[in-house]
């Protein structure tokens, strides 16, 4: 499975989907625009870590969305 994920074409496609969805800053505070400036090197490094099964994702950023009922 890591080999499939590690393919640069798949990583690039995933990035384009996040960008199209209006992805925002993650817990690392890196914007889509900043990530895209160094896209080739980021995808290469991510591919290398996935291939070596050494990738460790950062925690998910939690954002509370206020509801109309106050919860």
Protein backbone atom coordinates (compact mmCIF):
# COMPACT_ATOMS: atom_id res chain seq x y z
CA UNK A 1 0.00 0.00 0.00
CA UNK A 2 2.85 2.41 0.79
CA UNK A 3 4.19 1.92 -2.73
CA UNK A 4 0.87 3.05 -4.22
CA UNK A 5 0.67 6.05 -1.89
CA UNK A 6 4.29 6.97 -2.52
CA UNK A 7 3.84 7.44 -6.28
CA UNK A 8 4.47 11.10 -7.05
CA UNK A 9 1.52 11.17 -9.47
CA UNK A 10 -0.83 10.12 -6.64
CA UNK A 11 0.67 12.65 -4.24
CA UNK A 12 0.36 15.41 -6.83
CA UNK A 13 -3.26 14.47 -7.53
CA UNK A 14 -4.01 14.54 -3.79
CA UNK A 15 -2.43 18.00 -3.50
CA UNK A 16 -4.57 19.30 -6.38
CA UNK A 17 -7.72 18.01 -4.68
CA UNK A 18 -6.80 19.72 -1.40
CA UNK A 19 -6.05 22.96 -3.27
CA UNK A 20 -9.34 22.77 -5.19
CA UNK A 21 -11.21 22.31 -1.89
CA UNK A 22 -9.66 25.52 -0.57
CA UNK A 23 -7.38 23.75 1.90
CA UNK A 24 -6.20 25.88 4.78
CA UNK A 25 -3.28 26.00 7.16
CA UNK A 26 -2.53 22.80 8.97
CA UNK A 27 -1.11 22.40 12.43
CA UNK A 28 2.30 23.26 10.92
CA UNK A 29 0.96 26.69 9.79
CA UNK A 30 2.05 26.10 6.17
CA UNK A 31 -0.38 27.55 3.63
CA UNK A 32 -1.32 25.86 0.37
CA UNK A 33 0.49 28.65 -1.50
CA UNK A 34 3.70 28.20 0.49
CA UNK A 35 3.55 24.41 0.13
CA UNK A 36 3.02 24.80 -3.61
CA UNK A 37 6.12 26.99 -3.99
CA UNK A 38 8.26 24.00 -3.07
CA UNK A 39 5.83 21.35 -4.30
CA UNK A 40 8.38 19.19 -6.16
CA UNK A 41 10.71 18.92 -3.16
CA UNK A 42 7.83 18.38 -0.71
CA UNK A 43 6.37 15.58 -2.83
CA UNK A 44 9.79 13.99 -3.32
CA UNK A 45 10.44 13.96 0.43
CA UNK A 46 6.95 12.65 1.20
CA UNK A 47 7.36 9.93 -1.41
CA UNK A 48 10.73 8.94 0.09
CA UNK A 49 9.31 8.73 3.62
CA UNK A 50 6.30 6.71 2.47
CA UNK A 51 8.50 4.33 0.48
CA UNK A 52 10.67 3.78 3.55
CA UNK A 53 7.54 3.46 5.72
CA UNK A 54 8.87 6.26 7.94
CA UNK A 55 6.16 8.89 7.39
CA UNK A 56 4.62 10.16 10.62
CA UNK A 57 1.73 12.60 10.09
CA UNK A 58 1.24 15.55 12.41
CA UNK A 59 -1.88 15.62 14.58
CA UNK A 60 -5.05 16.89 12.95
CA UNK A 61 -5.92 20.53 13.61
CA UNK A 62 -9.20 20.78 15.51
CA UNK A 63 -11.52 23.67 14.76
CA UNK A 64 -14.76 24.11 16.66
CA UNK A 65 -17.67 25.37 14.57
CA UNK A 66 -20.33 27.27 16.52
CA UNK A 67 -23.85 25.95 16.00
CA UNK A 68 -27.05 27.97 15.95
CA UNK A 69 -28.32 26.05 19.01
CA UNK A 70 -25.24 27.12 21.03
CA UNK A 71 -23.56 23.71 21.18
